[in-house]
């Protein structure tokens, strides 16, 4: 959760908060116990100098503990405390234990006033502790699935973010005519709130990509993203971080990575929308209904789609061109058969000096692949011969293969555990494009090792790849 946070909020501050906050304690224990249950008391030795597990990291074999069950018990306690906190502000009993159900309702205080910027007095829902616990519970659900439980917690987190004034709630201001219009006053988020927001934004983009729907956060709300720390100019482009004018301080490394998440969210929304526009913005529609509903078709032309695609391509290019040098590889070893290691014969090994930058670049290459694959066709009114079109298609294929091999090259360079968790979806995207059986087997091996070593679910993506390739499980082995 802290890979893209230089302040390390979740690992540095949350354990201390758990000492005095029961809700955070239960959420942390639930996640930790579930993780222990999934790794089965084992620990990966990748990128480690130790040959055996430390005694304090191993549970005594004399005592048998069902960690999955323990995690479920702590989870139930956390949900009960979360519901209690929500009910104290809500004043009624929610119909479901899901966070989204109770958080989605409009809260009212005891005096009948509505929640939001105009509400008076302190509110539990404005506390960073409540949002922290909700964010941890989202990760608890995502640890072994990407289904309804995870979606409900993400929906609940979004509702609580709205309610607790993260910068998403409008403030009504009087106009000269006597009527009112919505204006949001700019604000600076606390360290905790900013860490929670970006953790949610990352999961939101990931959920939208996996479920092929639109994001919960409104990518067009520039003020919200600026409040979260992005430097965006008046034209809607991220400021080049290596050439900030007038001696101004640019974005920190973690915020540069977060800017990519904003761009990728735009890309996911572009793909999910297709050639239809919905009359209601995605951020105000139930996420579970987005895939089943029929968008309003208003005749979006291929030229208009191509213009939108080009806008996102330009956003991504400006972001990439403005990267500082720390986002460049510090070492690269070309493929070789001399080591006897299957990985080394098909992919280069690519190292970055900062783990955060390595993971960020994997997602950049993923975005490039997804962008190229979803390029709208040019209008047939524009005359071009077959040779020109074939040349264009082949150049796209070559570029896609380059980005696939960059993703895999970073993955086999023994990255840290946090990097491996974040590379599941990039590896899945690369695997969909690779055709060489040797390369495919490396991707499957990398993904399955993540689940075996770290407990994070990857098998659902592995099975998707096997089905798309037309492979059986017994085909997943290296050639001699």
Protein backbone atom coordinates (compact mmCIF):
# COMPACT_ATOMS: atom_id res chain seq x y z
CA UNK A 1 0.00 0.00 0.00
CA UNK A 2 3.02 2.27 0.49
CA UNK A 3 5.01 1.48 -2.66
CA UNK A 4 3.90 4.78 -4.22
CA UNK A 5 3.96 6.87 -1.03
CA UNK A 6 7.25 8.45 0.04
CA UNK A 7 5.67 9.22 3.42
CA UNK A 8 4.94 5.50 4.03
CA UNK A 9 1.71 6.34 5.83
CA UNK A 10 0.32 2.81 6.12
CA UNK A 11 3.54 1.15 7.30
CA UNK A 12 4.88 3.98 9.45
CA UNK A 13 1.81 5.57 11.05
CA UNK A 14 -1.03 3.03 10.90
CA UNK A 15 0.63 0.52 13.31
CA UNK A 16 0.86 3.29 15.90
CA UNK A 17 -2.74 4.30 15.32
CA UNK A 18 -3.80 0.66 15.77
CA UNK A 19 -2.57 0.80 19.39
CA UNK A 20 -5.32 3.25 20.35
CA UNK A 21 -7.98 2.73 17.65
CA UNK A 22 -9.96 -0.52 17.81
CA UNK A 23 -11.33 -0.21 14.28
CA UNK A 24 -7.88 0.13 12.70
CA UNK A 25 -6.55 -2.66 14.93
CA UNK A 26 -9.28 -5.05 13.78
CA UNK A 27 -8.79 -4.14 10.12
CA UNK A 28 -5.01 -4.61 10.35
CA UNK A 29 -5.33 -7.94 12.18
CA UNK A 30 -7.90 -9.18 9.67
CA UNK A 31 -5.64 -8.41 6.74
CA UNK A 32 -2.54 -9.82 8.43
CA UNK A 33 -4.25 -13.06 9.47
CA UNK A 34 -5.76 -13.60 6.04
CA UNK A 35 -2.37 -13.03 4.45
CA UNK A 36 -0.75 -15.57 6.79
CA UNK A 37 -3.44 -18.05 5.84
CA UNK A 38 -2.77 -17.61 2.15
CA UNK A 39 1.04 -17.89 2.32
CA UNK A 40 0.72 -20.88 4.70
CA UNK A 41 3.52 -19.78 7.02
CA UNK A 42 6.03 -19.51 4.20
CA UNK A 43 8.13 -16.55 3.13
CA UNK A 44 9.67 -15.83 -0.25
CA UNK A 45 13.45 -15.54 -0.34
CA UNK A 46 13.51 -13.52 -3.57
CA UNK A 47 15.70 -10.42 -3.23
CA UNK A 48 16.65 -11.47 0.30
CA UNK A 49 20.05 -12.21 1.81
CA UNK A 50 18.67 -14.57 4.47
CA UNK A 51 18.55 -18.32 3.97
CA UNK A 52 15.91 -18.99 6.63
CA UNK A 53 12.91 -17.24 8.09
CA UNK A 54 13.38 -15.18 11.24
CA UNK A 55 11.94 -16.72 14.40
CA UNK A 56 9.68 -13.75 15.09
CA UNK A 57 8.15 -14.15 11.60
CA UNK A 58 7.24 -17.83 12.07
CA UNK A 59 4.38 -19.21 14.13
CA UNK A 60 5.15 -22.19 16.36
CA UNK A 61 4.42 -25.49 14.64
CA UNK A 62 3.22 -26.88 17.97
CA UNK A 63 0.09 -24.74 17.75
CA UNK A 64 -2.19 -25.18 14.74
CA UNK A 65 -3.92 -21.94 13.78
CA UNK A 66 -6.52 -21.52 11.06
CA UNK A 67 -5.36 -18.09 9.92
CA UNK A 68 -8.11 -17.74 7.33
CA UNK A 69 -10.70 -18.24 10.06
CA UNK A 70 -8.88 -15.84 12.36
CA UNK A 71 -8.86 -13.27 9.58
CA UNK A 72 -12.60 -13.69 9.07
CA UNK A 73 -13.22 -13.16 12.81
CA UNK A 74 -11.19 -9.95 12.89
CA UNK A 75 -12.91 -8.83 9.69
CA UNK A 76 -16.34 -9.31 11.28
CA UNK A 77 -15.22 -7.25 14.29
CA UNK A 78 -13.94 -4.50 12.00
CA UNK A 79 -17.18 -4.42 10.02
CA UNK A 80 -19.21 -4.23 13.25
CA UNK A 81 -17.17 -1.28 14.50
CA UNK A 82 -17.39 0.40 11.09
CA UNK A 83 -21.16 -0.05 10.99
CA UNK A 84 -21.43 1.31 14.51
CA UNK A 85 -19.50 4.43 13.55
CA UNK A 86 -21.66 4.95 10.48
CA UNK A 87 -24.92 4.35 12.35
CA UNK A 88 -24.05 6.91 15.00
CA UNK A 89 -24.08 9.57 12.31
CA UNK A 90 -26.82 7.99 10.25
CA UNK A 91 -29.36 7.38 12.97
CA UNK A 92 -30.86 4.27 11.38
CA UNK A 93 -29.98 0.66 10.72
CA UNK A 94 -28.55 -0.20 7.32
CA UNK A 95 -30.07 -3.08 5.43
CA UNK A 96 -26.77 -4.74 4.57
CA UNK A 97 -23.36 -5.24 6.16
CA UNK A 98 -21.55 -3.97 3.09
CA UNK A 99 -19.80 -0.66 3.54
CA UNK A 100 -21.23 0.66 0.31
CA UNK A 101 -24.82 0.15 1.43
CA UNK A 102 -24.50 2.21 4.59
CA UNK A 103 -21.99 4.77 3.40
CA UNK A 104 -23.94 5.45 0.23
CA UNK A 105 -26.92 6.86 2.11
CA UNK A 106 -26.99 10.54 2.88
CA UNK A 107 -25.91 11.10 6.48
CA UNK A 108 -27.69 13.44 8.82
CA UNK A 109 -26.60 14.76 12.18
CA UNK A 110 -28.69 14.72 15.32
CA UNK A 111 -29.89 18.27 14.70
CA UNK A 112 -31.19 17.29 11.28
CA UNK A 113 -28.58 19.16 9.29
CA UNK A 114 -27.07 17.51 6.25
CA UNK A 115 -23.53 16.22 6.18
CA UNK A 116 -21.00 18.09 4.10
CA UNK A 117 -19.00 21.31 4.32
CA UNK A 118 -21.89 23.22 5.86
CA UNK A 119 -22.39 20.77 8.73
CA UNK A 120 -21.42 22.07 12.16
CA UNK A 121 -19.52 20.24 14.84
CA UNK A 122 -17.10 17.31 14.63
CA UNK A 123 -18.04 14.17 12.72
CA UNK A 124 -16.55 10.74 13.07
CA UNK A 125 -16.78 10.33 9.34
CA UNK A 126 -14.28 13.14 8.89
CA UNK A 127 -11.61 11.22 10.81
CA UNK A 128 -8.65 9.78 8.96
CA UNK A 129 -8.93 6.66 11.11
CA UNK A 130 -12.25 5.63 9.58
CA UNK A 131 -10.95 6.08 6.05
CA UNK A 132 -7.74 4.25 6.93
CA UNK A 133 -9.66 1.22 8.16
CA UNK A 134 -11.90 1.23 5.11
CA UNK A 135 -8.87 1.34 2.80
CA UNK A 136 -7.30 -1.63 4.58
CA UNK A 137 -10.55 -3.61 4.34
CA UNK A 138 -10.57 -2.96 0.58
CA UNK A 139 -7.16 -4.60 0.33
CA UNK A 140 -8.40 -7.45 2.56
CA UNK A 141 -11.10 -8.22 -0.02
CA UNK A 142 -8.77 -7.81 -3.01
CA UNK A 143 -6.15 -10.17 -1.56
CA UNK A 144 -7.91 -13.25 -2.91
CA UNK A 145 -10.54 -11.98 -5.32
CA UNK A 146 -11.62 -9.14 -7.55
CA UNK A 147 -15.36 -9.68 -7.17
CA UNK A 148 -18.38 -8.25 -5.40
CA UNK A 149 -16.83 -7.94 -1.93
CA UNK A 150 -14.00 -5.77 -3.22
CA UNK A 151 -16.42 -3.67 -5.30
CA UNK A 152 -18.69 -3.04 -2.29
CA UNK A 153 -15.79 -1.77 -0.20
CA UNK A 154 -14.57 0.45 -3.01
CA UNK A 155 -18.06 1.89 -3.37
CA UNK A 156 -18.20 2.49 0.38
CA UNK A 157 -14.79 4.15 0.40
CA UNK A 158 -15.85 6.47 -2.42
CA UNK A 159 -19.01 7.43 -0.52
CA UNK A 160 -17.06 8.14 2.66
CA UNK A 161 -14.50 10.16 0.71
CA UNK A 162 -17.36 12.26 -0.63
CA UNK A 163 -18.94 12.71 2.78
CA UNK A 164 -15.71 13.56 4.57
CA UNK A 165 -14.88 16.43 2.25
CA UNK A 166 -11.81 15.07 0.49
CA UNK A 167 -12.42 17.71 -2.11
CA UNK A 168 -15.36 16.05 -3.82
CA UNK A 169 -18.24 17.88 -2.16
CA UNK A 170 -19.49 21.16 -3.65
CA UNK A 171 -20.08 24.23 -1.52
CA UNK A 172 -23.10 26.34 -2.42
CA UNK A 173 -22.29 30.02 -2.86
CA UNK A 174 -24.80 32.82 -3.61
CA UNK A 175 -24.78 34.41 -7.04
CA UNK A 176 -25.51 38.07 -7.66
CA UNK A 177 -29.03 37.21 -8.79
CA UNK A 178 -29.84 35.63 -5.44
CA UNK A 179 -29.69 32.05 -6.69
CA UNK A 180 -27.00 29.59 -5.70
CA UNK A 181 -24.32 27.79 -7.60
CA UNK A 182 -21.85 25.09 -6.54
CA UNK A 183 -18.29 26.18 -5.91
CA UNK A 184 -15.68 24.04 -4.24
CA UNK A 185 -13.11 25.82 -2.17
CA UNK A 186 -9.58 24.53 -2.82
CA UNK A 187 -8.03 22.72 0.12
CA UNK A 188 -4.81 20.96 0.99
CA UNK A 189 -5.25 17.36 2.04
CA UNK A 190 -3.54 15.98 5.11
CA UNK A 191 -0.79 13.39 4.70
CA UNK A 192 -3.17 10.64 5.78
CA UNK A 193 -6.02 11.77 3.54
CA UNK A 194 -3.72 12.10 0.54
CA UNK A 195 -2.28 8.60 1.07
CA UNK A 196 -5.78 7.15 1.40
CA UNK A 197 -7.03 9.00 -1.67
CA UNK A 198 -4.24 7.74 -3.91
CA UNK A 199 -4.52 4.22 -2.54
CA UNK A 200 -8.20 4.32 -3.47
CA UNK A 201 -7.55 5.93 -6.87
CA UNK A 202 -5.12 3.13 -7.73
CA UNK A 203 -7.58 0.43 -6.71
CA UNK A 204 -10.40 2.26 -8.49
CA UNK A 205 -8.49 2.30 -11.78
CA UNK A 206 -7.51 -1.33 -11.33
CA UNK A 207 -11.09 -2.40 -10.59
CA UNK A 208 -12.39 -0.53 -13.63
CA UNK A 209 -9.75 -2.21 -15.81
CA UNK A 210 -10.48 -5.71 -14.49
CA UNK A 211 -14.27 -5.35 -14.67
CA UNK A 212 -14.26 -3.39 -17.93
CA UNK A 213 -16.26 -0.47 -16.55
CA UNK A 214 -15.67 3.18 -15.73
CA UNK A 215 -13.94 4.55 -12.66
CA UNK A 216 -15.73 5.84 -9.62
CA UNK A 217 -13.57 8.97 -9.48
CA UNK A 218 -14.31 11.70 -12.02
CA UNK A 219 -11.17 12.06 -14.13
CA UNK A 220 -12.41 15.37 -15.54
CA UNK A 221 -12.57 17.07 -12.13
CA UNK A 222 -9.20 18.81 -12.46
CA UNK A 223 -9.53 20.65 -9.16
CA UNK A 224 -9.94 17.38 -7.25
CA UNK A 225 -6.76 15.96 -8.74
CA UNK A 226 -4.88 19.18 -8.08
CA UNK A 227 -5.96 19.09 -4.45
CA UNK A 228 -4.62 15.54 -4.30
CA UNK A 229 -1.19 16.84 -5.33
CA UNK A 230 -0.99 16.74 -9.14
CA UNK A 231 0.49 19.70 -11.01
CA UNK A 232 -1.86 20.15 -13.97
CA UNK A 233 -1.75 23.17 -16.25
CA UNK A 234 -4.77 25.06 -17.56
CA UNK A 235 -4.85 22.89 -20.67
CA UNK A 236 -5.23 19.73 -18.60
CA UNK A 237 -1.68 18.39 -19.04
CA UNK A 238 0.66 17.24 -16.29
CA UNK A 239 3.54 19.69 -15.93
CA UNK A 240 6.88 18.34 -17.14
CA UNK A 241 8.70 17.31 -14.00
CA UNK A 242 12.19 17.75 -15.46
CA UNK A 243 11.67 21.30 -16.74
CA UNK A 244 9.62 23.23 -14.17
CA UNK A 245 9.88 26.95 -15.09
CA UNK A 246 10.81 29.86 -12.82
CA UNK A 247 12.64 27.64 -10.34
CA UNK A 248 9.39 26.16 -8.98
CA UNK A 249 9.46 22.83 -7.20
CA UNK A 250 8.06 20.00 -9.30
CA UNK A 251 6.19 16.92 -8.16
CA UNK A 252 7.90 14.37 -5.95
CA UNK A 253 8.60 10.88 -7.27
CA UNK A 254 5.47 9.35 -5.77
CA UNK A 255 3.25 12.07 -7.20
CA UNK A 256 4.75 11.57 -10.67
CA UNK A 257 3.71 7.92 -10.38
CA UNK A 258 0.25 8.98 -9.21
CA UNK A 259 -0.11 11.23 -12.25
CA UNK A 260 0.15 8.12 -14.40
CA UNK A 261 -2.78 6.60 -12.51
CA UNK A 262 -4.89 9.63 -13.43
CA UNK A 263 -3.98 9.21 -17.09
CA UNK A 264 -4.61 5.47 -16.99
CA UNK A 265 -8.02 6.12 -15.43
CA UNK A 266 -8.83 8.34 -18.40
CA UNK A 267 -7.74 5.55 -20.73
CA UNK A 268 -9.88 2.96 -18.94
CA UNK A 269 -12.90 5.25 -19.12
CA UNK A 270 -12.31 5.86 -22.82
CA UNK A 271 -12.29 2.12 -23.49
CA UNK A 272 -15.32 1.45 -21.28
CA UNK A 273 -17.37 4.17 -22.98
CA UNK A 274 -16.79 2.79 -26.48
CA UNK A 275 -18.62 4.76 -29.12
CA UNK A 276 -21.50 5.69 -26.82
CA UNK A 277 -21.86 8.41 -24.21
CA UNK A 278 -23.90 8.00 -21.06
CA UNK A 279 -26.12 10.92 -19.98
CA UNK A 280 -25.01 10.52 -16.33
CA UNK A 281 -21.28 10.65 -15.46
CA UNK A 282 -19.80 7.33 -14.36
CA UNK A 283 -18.84 8.60 -10.92
CA UNK A 284 -22.54 9.03 -10.04
CA UNK A 285 -23.75 5.65 -11.31
CA UNK A 286 -23.67 2.37 -9.35
CA UNK A 287 -20.56 0.50 -10.42
CA UNK A 288 -22.35 -2.86 -10.57
CA UNK A 289 -24.86 -1.51 -13.08
CA UNK A 290 -22.39 -0.03 -15.54
CA UNK A 291 -21.69 -3.24 -17.43
CA UNK A 292 -25.36 -4.20 -17.80
CA UNK A 293 -26.86 -0.87 -18.79
CA UNK A 294 -27.09 0.35 -22.36
CA UNK A 295 -25.34 3.68 -22.99
CA UNK A 296 -27.10 6.42 -24.88
CA UNK A 297 -25.87 6.26 -28.46
CA UNK A 298 -25.52 9.74 -29.87
CA UNK A 299 -23.61 9.00 -33.04
CA UNK A 300 -20.00 9.48 -31.98
CA UNK A 301 -18.01 9.39 -35.20
CA UNK A 302 -14.78 7.50 -35.73
CA UNK A 303 -13.03 10.82 -36.18
CA UNK A 304 -14.27 12.03 -32.79
CA UNK A 305 -13.15 8.78 -31.14
CA UNK A 306 -9.76 9.14 -32.79
CA UNK A 307 -9.47 12.68 -31.43
CA UNK A 308 -10.19 11.46 -27.90
CA UNK A 309 -7.66 8.68 -28.30
CA UNK A 310 -5.08 11.17 -29.56
CA UNK A 311 -5.70 13.41 -26.55
CA UNK A 312 -4.92 10.53 -24.16
CA UNK A 313 -1.88 9.58 -26.23
CA UNK A 314 -0.61 13.16 -25.94
CA UNK A 315 -1.23 13.17 -22.17
CA UNK A 316 0.84 10.01 -21.83
CA UNK A 317 3.60 11.34 -24.06
CA UNK A 318 3.92 14.62 -22.16
CA UNK A 319 4.08 12.69 -18.88
CA UNK A 320 6.78 10.36 -20.23
CA UNK A 321 8.84 13.13 -21.84
CA UNK A 322 8.89 15.02 -18.55
CA UNK A 323 10.20 12.15 -16.42
CA UNK A 324 13.40 12.74 -14.43
CA UNK A 325 16.38 10.41 -14.88
CA UNK A 326 15.46 8.17 -11.94
CA UNK A 327 12.73 6.69 -14.13
CA UNK A 328 15.36 5.31 -16.55
CA UNK A 329 16.82 1.81 -16.10
CA UNK A 330 20.18 1.73 -14.32
CA UNK A 331 21.19 -1.65 -15.79
CA UNK A 332 20.09 -4.00 -18.54
CA UNK A 333 21.27 -7.51 -19.48
CA UNK A 334 20.32 -8.79 -22.92
CA UNK A 335 18.80 -12.28 -23.29
CA UNK A 336 21.35 -15.08 -23.13
CA UNK A 337 21.28 -18.90 -23.16
CA UNK A 338 24.58 -19.19 -21.27
CA UNK A 339 23.07 -18.92 -17.79
CA UNK A 340 20.84 -21.98 -18.23
CA UNK A 341 17.92 -20.08 -16.70
CA UNK A 342 14.79 -20.16 -18.92
CA UNK A 343 13.95 -16.56 -18.03
CA UNK A 344 17.27 -15.26 -19.33
CA UNK A 345 16.91 -16.86 -22.75
CA UNK A 346 13.75 -15.00 -23.74
CA UNK A 347 13.69 -11.65 -21.89
CA UNK A 348 16.27 -9.03 -20.88
CA UNK A 349 16.74 -8.30 -17.18
CA UNK A 350 16.00 -4.66 -16.43
CA UNK A 351 16.87 -2.94 -13.15
CA UNK A 352 15.76 0.39 -11.71
CA UNK A 353 17.45 2.05 -8.75
CA UNK A 354 14.12 2.85 -7.07
CA UNK A 355 11.41 0.13 -6.73
CA UNK A 356 8.65 2.70 -7.10
CA UNK A 357 10.00 3.78 -10.48
CA UNK A 358 10.29 0.18 -11.69
CA UNK A 359 6.63 -0.52 -10.94
CA UNK A 360 5.57 2.80 -12.41
CA UNK A 361 7.33 2.03 -15.69
CA UNK A 362 5.66 -1.38 -15.85
CA UNK A 363 2.33 0.41 -15.69
CA UNK A 364 3.48 2.92 -18.30
CA UNK A 365 4.28 0.08 -20.71
CA UNK A 366 0.91 -1.47 -19.87
CA UNK A 367 -0.84 1.80 -20.69
CA UNK A 368 1.00 2.01 -24.01
CA UNK A 369 -0.09 -1.52 -24.95
CA UNK A 370 -3.72 -0.88 -24.03
CA UNK A 371 -3.65 2.46 -25.85
CA UNK A 372 -2.22 0.99 -29.05
CA UNK A 373 -4.62 -1.95 -29.09
CA UNK A 374 -7.63 0.32 -28.65
CA UNK A 375 -6.71 2.81 -31.35
CA UNK A 376 -9.89 3.67 -33.32
CA UNK A 377 -9.85 3.00 -37.05
CA UNK A 378 -9.34 5.98 -39.27
CA UNK A 379 -12.27 7.07 -41.39
CA UNK A 380 -12.58 5.10 -44.63
CA UNK A 381 -13.25 8.41 -46.35
CA UNK A 382 -9.53 9.00 -46.16
CA UNK A 383 -8.00 7.08 -49.06
CA UNK A 384 -5.01 4.83 -48.36
CA UNK A 385 -3.78 1.72 -50.09
CA UNK A 386 -3.47 -1.72 -48.52
CA UNK A 387 0.31 -1.53 -48.21
CA UNK A 388 0.13 1.65 -46.13
CA UNK A 389 -2.42 0.17 -43.74
CA UNK A 390 -0.46 -3.07 -43.36
CA UNK A 391 2.69 -1.09 -42.61
CA UNK A 392 0.81 0.82 -39.91
CA UNK A 393 -0.54 -2.37 -38.33
CA UNK A 394 2.89 -4.03 -38.33
CA UNK A 395 4.53 -1.04 -36.69
CA UNK A 396 1.91 -1.16 -33.93
CA UNK A 397 2.56 -4.88 -33.42
CA UNK A 398 6.31 -4.30 -33.13
CA UNK A 399 5.79 -1.51 -30.60
CA UNK A 400 3.44 -3.67 -28.53
CA UNK A 401 6.02 -6.48 -28.40
CA UNK A 402 8.65 -3.99 -27.20
CA UNK A 403 6.46 -2.88 -24.30
CA UNK A 404 5.58 -6.50 -23.42
CA UNK A 405 9.24 -7.43 -23.14
CA UNK A 406 9.98 -4.36 -21.03
CA UNK A 407 7.25 -5.42 -18.56
CA UNK A 408 8.62 -8.96 -18.35
CA UNK A 409 12.24 -7.78 -18.20
CA UNK A 410 11.49 -5.70 -15.13
CA UNK A 411 9.55 -8.60 -13.59
CA UNK A 412 12.41 -11.13 -13.82
CA UNK A 413 14.98 -8.74 -12.30
CA UNK A 414 14.10 -9.93 -8.77
CA UNK A 415 12.00 -6.92 -7.70
CA UNK A 416 10.80 -6.40 -4.15
CA UNK A 417 7.62 -8.02 -2.89
CA UNK A 418 5.60 -4.83 -3.21
CA UNK A 419 6.62 -4.56 -6.86
CA UNK A 420 5.60 -8.13 -7.54
CA UNK A 421 2.12 -7.49 -6.16
CA UNK A 422 1.64 -4.50 -8.44
CA UNK A 423 2.91 -6.30 -11.56
CA UNK A 424 0.08 -8.84 -11.77
CA UNK A 425 -2.03 -6.85 -14.23
CA UNK A 426 0.93 -5.68 -16.37
CA UNK A 427 2.04 -9.32 -16.73
CA UNK A 428 -1.51 -10.31 -17.65
CA UNK A 429 -1.67 -7.65 -20.37
CA UNK A 430 1.74 -8.70 -21.71
CA UNK A 431 0.68 -12.34 -21.66
CA UNK A 432 -2.32 -11.57 -23.83
CA UNK A 433 -0.02 -10.19 -26.53
CA UNK A 434 2.87 -12.67 -26.48
CA UNK A 435 2.82 -15.55 -28.98
CA UNK A 436 6.09 -17.39 -28.30
CA UNK A 437 5.33 -20.44 -26.06
CA UNK A 438 8.56 -19.89 -24.11
CA UNK A 439 7.61 -16.29 -23.31
CA UNK A 440 4.10 -17.33 -22.32
CA UNK A 441 5.42 -19.94 -19.90
CA UNK A 442 7.66 -17.38 -18.23
CA UNK A 443 4.65 -15.10 -17.71
CA UNK A 444 2.61 -17.92 -16.18
CA UNK A 445 5.49 -18.90 -13.91
CA UNK A 446 5.97 -15.32 -12.73
CA UNK A 447 2.29 -14.92 -11.95
CA UNK A 448 1.89 -18.21 -10.13
CA UNK A 449 5.01 -17.57 -8.06
CA UNK A 450 3.46 -14.30 -6.86
CA UNK A 451 0.49 -16.15 -5.39
CA UNK A 452 2.68 -18.91 -3.95
CA UNK A 453 5.17 -16.51 -2.35
CA UNK A 454 2.99 -13.56 -1.38
CA UNK A 455 -0.57 -14.87 -1.17
CA UNK A 456 -1.99 -12.45 -3.72
CA UNK A 457 -4.55 -14.01 -6.07
CA UNK A 458 -3.23 -14.51 -9.60
CA UNK A 459 -4.82 -17.80 -10.63
CA UNK A 460 -7.92 -16.07 -12.03
CA UNK A 461 -5.67 -14.21 -14.49
CA UNK A 462 -3.66 -17.36 -15.24
CA UNK A 463 -6.83 -19.23 -16.13
CA UNK A 464 -7.92 -16.36 -18.40
CA UNK A 465 -4.63 -16.58 -20.27
CA UNK A 466 -4.77 -20.36 -20.61
CA UNK A 467 -8.29 -20.10 -22.02
CA UNK A 468 -7.32 -17.38 -24.50
CA UNK A 469 -4.29 -19.36 -25.66
CA UNK A 470 -6.24 -22.60 -25.89
CA UNK A 471 -3.79 -24.27 -23.49
CA UNK A 472 -4.34 -26.92 -20.85
CA UNK A 473 -2.66 -26.82 -17.45
CA UNK A 474 -0.39 -29.74 -18.37
CA UNK A 475 1.09 -27.67 -21.19
CA UNK A 476 2.63 -25.19 -18.76
CA UNK A 477 6.21 -26.46 -18.65
CA UNK A 478 9.50 -25.33 -20.09
CA UNK A 479 11.00 -26.86 -23.18
CA UNK A 480 14.26 -28.72 -22.47
